[in-house]
Amino acid sequence: MNVEQLMEQLGRAGVSVLVKVDDERMAEGRQPWTVVMTGAVLGEDEYVHAESSTLDDCLKRAIGRLQACPGEWGWVTELLSPATGLPE
């Protein structure tokens, strides 16, 4: 997965992305990965929040929620094609 390319493209589009892994939740067997996306481009008072047990799945969930935000996010789907190595 080319996370760097994904993050750079989101940043250029005006999306700030925070990726977190929580050691306490990991030790408890809970979902340690969190992705939060913010930015004026998402719409007023809009943000994306996703949690999961793996980074790959967490990013997939976050991208799915991003696509439900106002704006044109179809390019993200194109960026996530198998040819790029990013999650589908």
C-alpha atoms as a PDB file:
ATOM      1  CA  MET A   1       0.000   0.000   0.000  1.00  0.00           C
ATOM      2  CA  ASN A   2       1.375   3.418  -0.924  1.00  0.00           C
ATOM      3  CA  VAL A   3       0.094   5.388   2.051  1.00  0.00           C
ATOM      4  CA  GLU A   4       2.452   8.286   1.323  1.00  0.00           C
ATOM      5  CA  GLN A   5       0.934   8.851  -2.132  1.00  0.00           C
ATOM      6  CA  LEU A   6      -2.592   8.662  -0.699  1.00  0.00           C
ATOM      7  CA  MET A   7      -1.794  11.165   2.064  1.00  0.00           C
ATOM      8  CA  GLU A   8      -0.084  13.568  -0.332  1.00  0.00           C
ATOM      9  CA  GLN A   9      -3.057  13.583  -2.697  1.00  0.00           C
ATOM     10  CA  LEU A  10      -5.512  14.095   0.160  1.00  0.00           C
ATOM     11  CA  GLY A  11      -3.362  16.942   1.481  1.00  0.00           C
ATOM     12  CA  ARG A  12      -3.271  18.593  -1.940  1.00  0.00           C
ATOM     13  CA  ALA A  13      -7.064  18.299  -2.045  1.00  0.00           C
ATOM     14  CA  GLY A  14      -7.350  20.205   1.253  1.00  0.00           C
ATOM     15  CA  VAL A  15      -7.878  17.269   3.591  1.00  0.00           C
ATOM     16  CA  SER A  16      -5.913  17.035   6.837  1.00  0.00           C
ATOM     17  CA  VAL A  17      -5.420  13.419   7.935  1.00  0.00           C
ATOM     18  CA  LEU A  18      -4.553  12.106  11.376  1.00  0.00           C
ATOM     19  CA  VAL A  19      -3.609   8.434  11.712  1.00  0.00           C
ATOM     20  CA  LYS A  20      -3.295   7.056  15.234  1.00  0.00           C
ATOM     21  CA  VAL A  21      -2.514   3.686  16.786  1.00  0.00           C
ATOM     22  CA  ASP A  22      -3.479   3.311  20.440  1.00  0.00           C
ATOM     23  CA  ASP A  23      -1.295   0.942  22.458  1.00  0.00           C
ATOM     24  CA  GLU A  24      -3.849   0.616  25.270  1.00  0.00           C
ATOM     25  CA  ARG A  25      -6.625  -0.454  22.904  1.00  0.00           C
ATOM     26  CA  MET A  26      -4.171  -2.794  21.176  1.00  0.00           C
ATOM     27  CA  ALA A  27      -3.298  -4.438  24.512  1.00  0.00           C
ATOM     28  CA  GLU A  28      -7.015  -4.856  25.263  1.00  0.00           C
ATOM     29  CA  GLY A  29      -7.633  -6.548  21.896  1.00  0.00           C
ATOM     30  CA  ARG A  30      -9.779  -3.659  20.670  1.00  0.00           C
ATOM     31  CA  GLN A  31      -9.529  -1.679  17.428  1.00  0.00           C
ATOM     32  CA  PRO A  32      -6.281   0.283  17.836  1.00  0.00           C
ATOM     33  CA  TRP A  33      -6.258   2.186  14.522  1.00  0.00           C
ATOM     34  CA  THR A  34      -8.041   5.517  14.118  1.00  0.00           C
ATOM     35  CA  VAL A  35      -8.176   7.799  11.073  1.00  0.00           C
ATOM     36  CA  VAL A  36      -9.643  11.300  11.294  1.00  0.00           C
ATOM     37  CA  MET A  37      -9.982  13.577   8.257  1.00  0.00           C
ATOM     38  CA  THR A  38     -10.855  17.260   8.491  1.00  0.00           C
ATOM     39  CA  GLY A  39     -10.736  20.323   6.288  1.00  0.00           C
ATOM     40  CA  ALA A  40     -12.945  23.051   4.891  1.00  0.00           C
ATOM     41  CA  VAL A  41     -13.158  21.099   1.624  1.00  0.00           C
ATOM     42  CA  LEU A  42     -15.293  18.468   3.405  1.00  0.00           C
ATOM     43  CA  GLY A  43     -18.062  20.961   4.087  1.00  0.00           C
ATOM     44  CA  GLU A  44     -19.057  22.998   7.083  1.00  0.00           C
ATOM     45  CA  ASP A  45     -18.770  21.015  10.325  1.00  0.00           C
ATOM     46  CA  GLU A  46     -17.949  17.829   8.368  1.00  0.00           C
ATOM     47  CA  TYR A  47     -15.242  15.368   9.309  1.00  0.00           C
ATOM     48  CA  VAL A  48     -14.461  11.701   8.767  1.00  0.00           C
ATOM     49  CA  HIS A  49     -13.762   9.286  11.607  1.00  0.00           C
ATOM     50  CA  ALA A  50     -12.982   5.572  11.276  1.00  0.00           C
ATOM     51  CA  GLU A  51     -11.645   2.898  13.608  1.00  0.00           C
ATOM     52  CA  SER A  52     -10.499  -0.637  12.862  1.00  0.00           C
ATOM     53  CA  SER A  53      -8.193  -3.458  13.876  1.00  0.00           C
ATOM     54  CA  THR A  54      -5.845  -2.929  10.880  1.00  0.00           C
ATOM     55  CA  LEU A  55      -4.486   0.192   9.218  1.00  0.00           C
ATOM     56  CA  ASP A  56      -5.535  -1.043   5.776  1.00  0.00           C
ATOM     57  CA  ASP A  57      -9.148  -1.572   6.831  1.00  0.00           C
ATOM     58  CA  CYS A  58      -9.220   1.710   8.749  1.00  0.00           C
ATOM     59  CA  LEU A  59      -8.086   3.626   5.652  1.00  0.00           C
ATOM     60  CA  LYS A  60     -10.684   1.820   3.510  1.00  0.00           C
ATOM     61  CA  ARG A  61     -13.443   2.768   5.950  1.00  0.00           C
ATOM     62  CA  ALA A  62     -12.265   6.376   6.122  1.00  0.00           C
ATOM     63  CA  ILE A  63     -12.133   6.676   2.317  1.00  0.00           C
ATOM     64  CA  GLY A  64     -15.655   5.233   2.081  1.00  0.00           C
ATOM     65  CA  ARG A  65     -16.910   7.863   4.515  1.00  0.00           C
ATOM     66  CA  LEU A  66     -14.955  10.597   2.734  1.00  0.00           C
ATOM     67  CA  GLN A  67     -16.792   9.789  -0.475  1.00  0.00           C
ATOM     68  CA  ALA A  68     -20.099  10.477   1.326  1.00  0.00           C
ATOM     69  CA  CYS A  69     -18.975  14.042   2.134  1.00  0.00           C
ATOM     70  CA  PRO A  70     -19.923  16.994  -0.061  1.00  0.00           C
ATOM     71  CA  GLY A  71     -17.672  17.407  -3.077  1.00  0.00           C
ATOM     72  CA  GLU A  72     -16.249  15.285  -5.857  1.00  0.00           C
ATOM     73  CA  TRP A  73     -14.246  12.411  -4.410  1.00  0.00           C
ATOM     74  CA  GLY A  74     -14.353  10.023  -7.376  1.00  0.00           C
ATOM     75  CA  TRP A  75     -10.644  10.559  -7.954  1.00  0.00           C
ATOM     76  CA  VAL A  76      -9.951   8.780  -4.664  1.00  0.00           C
ATOM     77  CA  THR A  77     -11.505   5.601  -6.076  1.00  0.00           C
ATOM     78  CA  GLU A  78      -9.288   5.920  -9.149  1.00  0.00           C
ATOM     79  CA  LEU A  79      -6.250   6.432  -6.913  1.00  0.00           C
ATOM     80  CA  LEU A  80      -7.125   3.243  -5.028  1.00  0.00           C
ATOM     81  CA  SER A  81      -7.080   1.048  -8.123  1.00  0.00           C
ATOM     82  CA  PRO A  82      -5.047  -2.191  -7.992  1.00  0.00           C
ATOM     83  CA  ALA A  83      -2.405  -0.698 -10.278  1.00  0.00           C
ATOM     84  CA  THR A  84      -1.359   1.802  -7.573  1.00  0.00           C
ATOM     85  CA  GLY A  85      -0.963  -0.744  -4.831  1.00  0.00           C
ATOM     86  CA  LEU A  86      -3.380   1.145  -2.596  1.00  0.00           C
ATOM     87  CA  PRO A  87      -6.390  -0.490  -0.946  1.00  0.00           C
ATOM     88  CA  GLU A  88      -9.392  -1.055  -3.181  1.00  0.00           C
END
